[in-house]
Amino acid sequence: MFNAPYFTHLRRSNLKFFAAFTLVLCLFLTVMTNVFTPETVTDLQSAARGTIASQILTGNGTLIGFMANSFYALMAIIFPMVYSILTGNRLIAEKVDKGSLAGFLSTPVTRLRIVLTSALYLLISLIVMWGLTSLVGLLAAEAFQPGALDRETFLLMNAGAFLYHLAVSSICFCSSCIFNTSRNSLTFGAGLPLLFFVISLLRKLSLDLDFLKYFTLNTLFDTEAILQGSGYAADFTILACLSAVLYAVGILWFKEKDLPL
């Protein structure tokens, strides 16, 4: 059910988005690897002691601990999320909204092939994005901090980030398949992931807000559990299952719904 020419079209039309967000991730990871020293982490924690920021600037003094509480707490969440939001909407809802999908459906390419190929493109683009980020991170650590990076934990951290963003992309893609306008697609496809992110930030500001962990998807990307080496398998499984369900719902919904073409 995969359509190679349509996949090529998607790859070319979204290349700038993909390249820009992947490059930003790699640059941030490289810079953070370069500036890390245990003394830097200690100084930051000392400066933040007694303030709200002390709830965020935690860590075990290692390079991967520093990454977990800086790169994976912010940049690795925000930039791929924006990519999934924009790309997920562009794949289906924007084409329906602008009427450009009619041109593709006037060819022998079926609606099911279009939506399956679109889903596959988003999945593969995220795999490549995090694959490249992992490779750059390993090379940067070897260049700037030889022997300082726990490679196994680093790769697990990237696997968790990938699964988290796979779940985010499934929300964006499902919303894009359900709604016929970009406005409605983005209301849910962008609104829910951004709400989850804001809730996760609020939770870090005070122990009294720990109950908010039940209201955000970000709880399932538990960097502390990954650092400790246990307690993350169930989270990974839930993220993968949620992604599969939402992608399937989006594909089936788009296949059966009436289109304003």
Protein backbone atom coordinates (compact mmCIF):
# COMPACT_ATOMS: atom_id res chain seq x y z
CA MET A 1 0.00 0.00 0.00
CA PHE A 2 3.09 2.22 -0.01
CA ASN A 3 3.42 4.65 -2.93
CA ALA A 4 7.04 5.51 -3.76
CA PRO A 5 6.41 8.58 -6.00
CA TYR A 6 4.14 10.14 -3.39
CA PHE A 7 6.70 9.40 -0.65
CA THR A 8 9.35 11.16 -2.76
CA HIS A 9 7.01 14.15 -3.12
CA LEU A 10 6.55 14.31 0.66
CA ARG A 11 10.26 14.01 1.30
CA ARG A 12 11.08 16.86 -1.07
CA SER A 13 8.27 19.15 0.07
CA ASN A 14 9.17 18.74 3.76
CA LEU A 15 12.95 18.60 3.41
CA LYS A 16 13.53 22.17 4.64
CA PHE A 17 11.46 21.57 7.77
CA PHE A 18 13.23 18.30 8.49
CA ALA A 19 16.73 19.65 7.85
CA ALA A 20 16.20 22.80 9.92
CA PHE A 21 14.86 21.07 13.04
CA THR A 22 17.39 18.25 12.86
CA LEU A 23 20.24 20.72 12.48
CA VAL A 24 19.05 22.72 15.50
CA LEU A 25 18.92 19.56 17.63
CA CYS A 26 22.42 18.53 16.59
CA LEU A 27 23.85 22.01 17.18
CA PHE A 28 22.37 22.32 20.67
CA LEU A 29 23.59 18.85 21.62
CA THR A 30 27.08 19.61 20.32
CA VAL A 31 27.30 22.94 22.15
CA MET A 32 26.09 21.44 25.44
CA THR A 33 28.59 18.63 25.14
CA ASN A 34 31.36 21.14 24.52
CA VAL A 35 30.58 23.41 27.49
CA PHE A 36 30.00 20.67 30.05
CA THR A 37 32.22 20.35 33.09
CA PRO A 38 31.22 19.02 36.54
CA GLU A 39 32.22 22.40 37.94
CA THR A 40 29.78 24.16 35.60
CA VAL A 41 26.91 22.00 36.83
CA THR A 42 27.85 22.57 40.46
CA ASP A 43 28.07 26.33 39.94
CA LEU A 44 24.64 26.42 38.28
CA GLN A 45 23.07 24.39 41.07
CA SER A 46 24.67 26.61 43.71
CA ALA A 47 23.46 29.78 41.99
CA ALA A 48 19.92 28.40 41.72
CA ARG A 49 19.70 27.07 45.29
CA GLY A 50 16.65 28.40 47.06
CA THR A 51 14.97 29.53 43.83
CA ILE A 52 12.35 27.97 41.56
CA ALA A 53 15.10 27.01 39.11
CA SER A 54 16.59 24.64 41.72
CA GLN A 55 13.71 22.25 40.98
CA ILE A 56 14.90 22.04 37.38
CA LEU A 57 18.70 22.27 37.66
CA THR A 58 19.24 18.85 39.18
CA GLY A 59 21.66 16.17 38.10
CA ASN A 60 24.37 13.76 39.16
CA GLY A 61 27.35 15.74 37.87
CA THR A 62 27.87 13.52 34.81
CA LEU A 63 27.64 14.47 31.15
CA ILE A 64 24.52 12.38 30.57
CA GLY A 65 22.99 13.80 33.77
CA PHE A 66 23.68 17.31 32.50
CA MET A 67 22.07 16.43 29.15
CA ALA A 68 19.03 14.91 30.87
CA ASN A 69 18.28 18.11 32.77
CA SER A 70 19.06 20.57 29.99
CA PHE A 71 18.93 19.22 26.43
CA TYR A 72 16.34 16.48 27.04
CA ALA A 73 14.24 18.68 29.31
CA LEU A 74 13.74 21.49 26.81
CA MET A 75 15.34 21.51 23.35
CA ALA A 76 14.76 17.82 22.70
CA ILE A 77 11.10 18.34 23.56
CA ILE A 78 10.23 21.64 21.90
CA PHE A 79 11.95 21.46 18.48
CA PRO A 80 10.85 17.97 17.39
CA MET A 81 7.38 18.77 18.74
CA VAL A 82 7.10 21.82 16.48
CA TYR A 83 8.34 19.69 13.58
CA SER A 84 5.63 17.07 14.20
CA ILE A 85 2.95 19.73 14.57
CA LEU A 86 3.84 21.51 11.32
CA THR A 87 4.54 18.38 9.29
CA GLY A 88 1.57 16.42 10.61
CA ASN A 89 -0.77 19.23 9.57
CA ARG A 90 0.92 19.64 6.16
CA LEU A 91 0.60 15.94 5.34
CA ILE A 92 -3.21 15.75 5.32
CA ALA A 93 -5.31 18.61 6.74
CA GLU A 94 -3.51 21.42 4.91
CA LYS A 95 -3.85 19.57 1.60
CA VAL A 96 -7.57 19.03 2.20
CA ASP A 97 -8.01 22.64 3.34
CA LYS A 98 -6.29 24.06 0.24
CA GLY A 99 -7.84 21.56 -2.14
CA SER A 100 -4.49 20.24 -3.39
CA LEU A 101 -5.35 16.70 -2.33
CA ALA A 102 -7.90 16.52 -5.12
CA GLY A 103 -5.08 16.49 -7.66
CA PHE A 104 -3.48 13.45 -6.08
CA LEU A 105 -6.79 11.61 -5.74
CA SER A 106 -7.54 12.19 -9.42
CA THR A 107 -4.63 9.85 -10.21
CA PRO A 108 -4.66 6.08 -9.69
CA VAL A 109 -3.23 6.65 -6.20
CA THR A 110 -5.95 5.67 -3.70
CA ARG A 111 -6.85 7.55 -0.55
CA LEU A 112 -5.57 4.66 1.57
CA ARG A 113 -2.18 4.72 -0.16
CA ILE A 114 -1.91 8.46 0.37
CA VAL A 115 -2.60 8.30 4.10
CA LEU A 116 -0.41 5.22 4.65
CA THR A 117 2.48 6.78 2.76
CA SER A 118 2.03 10.00 4.73
CA ALA A 119 2.13 8.12 8.04
CA LEU A 120 5.21 6.21 6.92
CA TYR A 121 6.98 9.42 5.93
CA LEU A 122 6.39 10.98 9.35
CA LEU A 123 7.57 7.82 11.11
CA ILE A 124 10.73 7.46 8.99
CA SER A 125 11.57 11.17 9.29
CA LEU A 126 11.52 10.90 13.10
CA ILE A 127 13.66 7.76 13.00
CA VAL A 128 16.23 9.53 10.80
CA MET A 129 16.08 12.70 12.94
CA TRP A 130 16.88 10.85 16.16
CA GLY A 131 19.35 8.56 14.42
CA LEU A 132 21.33 11.56 13.21
CA THR A 133 21.05 13.26 16.61
CA SER A 134 22.39 10.12 18.30
CA LEU A 135 25.30 9.90 15.89
CA VAL A 136 26.20 13.58 16.28
CA GLY A 137 25.97 13.28 20.06
CA LEU A 138 28.34 10.32 20.13
CA LEU A 139 30.82 12.07 17.83
CA ALA A 140 30.64 15.32 19.81
CA ALA A 141 31.22 13.49 23.09
CA GLU A 142 34.20 11.67 21.62
CA ALA A 143 35.63 14.97 20.33
CA PHE A 144 35.03 17.21 23.34
CA GLN A 145 34.56 14.86 26.32
CA PRO A 146 36.43 11.61 25.59
CA GLY A 147 35.26 8.82 27.88
CA ALA A 148 32.77 11.05 29.73
CA LEU A 149 29.57 9.90 28.04
CA ASP A 150 27.64 6.83 29.19
CA ARG A 151 26.82 5.64 25.68
CA GLU A 152 24.22 3.05 26.65
CA THR A 153 22.24 5.54 28.74
CA PHE A 154 22.62 8.18 26.03
CA LEU A 155 21.15 5.84 23.40
CA LEU A 156 18.33 4.86 25.78
CA MET A 157 17.63 8.57 26.34
CA ASN A 158 17.35 9.08 22.59
CA ALA A 159 15.14 6.00 22.25
CA GLY A 160 12.84 7.45 24.90
CA ALA A 161 12.82 10.85 23.18
CA PHE A 162 12.00 9.18 19.87
CA LEU A 163 9.09 7.21 21.36
CA TYR A 164 7.79 10.35 23.08
CA HIS A 165 7.84 12.26 19.80
CA LEU A 166 6.33 9.30 17.98
CA ALA A 167 3.38 9.64 20.36
CA VAL A 168 3.28 13.41 19.81
CA SER A 169 3.38 12.90 16.04
CA SER A 170 0.53 10.39 16.30
CA ILE A 171 -1.61 13.05 17.99
CA CYS A 172 -0.73 15.56 15.25
CA PHE A 173 -1.28 13.04 12.45
CA CYS A 174 -4.57 11.72 13.83
CA SER A 175 -5.87 15.26 14.25
CA SER A 176 -4.79 16.08 10.68
CA CYS A 177 -6.68 13.04 9.38
CA ILE A 178 -9.86 13.77 11.33
CA PHE A 179 -10.27 17.48 10.55
CA ASN A 180 -10.66 19.08 7.13
CA THR A 181 -9.15 22.48 8.02
CA SER A 182 -5.72 23.43 9.28
CA ARG A 183 -7.29 25.59 11.99
CA ASN A 184 -9.11 22.69 13.61
CA SER A 185 -6.26 20.29 13.00
CA LEU A 186 -3.77 22.57 14.74
CA THR A 187 -6.16 23.34 17.60
CA PHE A 188 -5.89 19.75 18.76
CA GLY A 189 -2.71 18.58 17.05
CA ALA A 190 -0.70 21.50 18.46
CA GLY A 191 -2.82 22.32 21.48
CA LEU A 192 -2.54 18.98 23.26
CA PRO A 193 1.27 18.52 22.98
CA LEU A 194 1.87 22.14 24.02
CA LEU A 195 -0.52 21.75 26.96
CA PHE A 196 1.32 18.60 28.04
CA PHE A 197 4.63 20.48 27.89
CA VAL A 198 3.34 23.41 29.97
CA ILE A 199 1.90 21.03 32.57
CA SER A 200 5.24 19.21 32.80
CA LEU A 201 7.04 22.53 33.41
CA LEU A 202 4.57 23.53 36.12
CA ARG A 203 5.05 20.17 37.81
CA LYS A 204 8.81 20.78 38.09
CA LEU A 205 8.31 24.09 39.88
CA SER A 206 6.89 22.62 43.08
CA LEU A 207 6.49 19.24 44.76
CA ASP A 208 2.92 20.28 45.56
CA LEU A 209 2.14 20.05 41.85
CA ASP A 210 3.36 16.47 41.47
CA PHE A 211 -0.23 15.29 40.91
CA LEU A 212 -0.04 16.96 37.47
CA LYS A 213 2.04 14.02 36.26
CA TYR A 214 -1.24 12.21 35.58
CA PHE A 215 -2.30 14.91 33.10
CA THR A 216 0.71 15.05 30.78
CA LEU A 217 2.21 12.71 28.24
CA ASN A 218 5.67 14.01 29.18
CA THR A 219 5.58 11.91 32.35
CA LEU A 220 6.17 8.86 30.14
CA PHE A 221 9.54 10.26 29.04
CA ASP A 222 11.12 9.91 32.48
CA THR A 223 14.77 10.90 32.17
CA GLU A 224 15.41 10.16 35.85
CA ALA A 225 14.26 6.56 35.40
CA ILE A 226 16.50 6.21 32.34
CA LEU A 227 19.46 7.60 34.30
CA GLN A 228 18.79 5.08 37.08
CA GLY A 229 18.54 2.26 34.55
CA SER A 230 15.11 0.95 35.60
CA GLY A 231 11.42 1.82 35.56
CA TYR A 232 11.28 3.11 32.00
CA ALA A 233 10.27 -0.05 30.08
CA ALA A 234 6.56 0.29 30.85
CA ASP A 235 6.64 3.97 29.81
CA PHE A 236 8.30 3.06 26.52
CA THR A 237 5.67 0.38 25.89
CA ILE A 238 2.77 2.74 26.59
CA LEU A 239 4.21 5.39 24.25
CA ALA A 240 4.65 2.83 21.46
CA CYS A 241 1.13 1.40 21.91
CA LEU A 242 -0.48 4.84 22.08
CA SER A 243 1.32 5.84 18.89
CA ALA A 244 0.16 2.71 17.06
CA VAL A 245 -3.45 3.24 18.14
CA LEU A 246 -3.60 6.92 17.16
CA TYR A 247 -1.90 6.35 13.81
CA ALA A 248 -4.37 3.52 13.08
CA VAL A 249 -7.34 5.68 14.10
CA GLY A 250 -6.15 8.51 11.86
CA ILE A 251 -5.60 6.22 8.88
CA LEU A 252 -8.99 4.52 9.20
CA TRP A 253 -10.82 7.81 9.84
CA PHE A 254 -9.33 9.45 6.76
CA LYS A 255 -10.08 6.39 4.64
CA GLU A 256 -13.77 6.46 5.50
CA LYS A 257 -14.63 10.13 5.99
CA ASP A 258 -16.27 12.43 3.45
CA LEU A 259 -13.86 14.87 1.84
CA PRO A 260 -14.81 18.38 0.66
CA LEU A 261 -13.02 17.96 -2.66
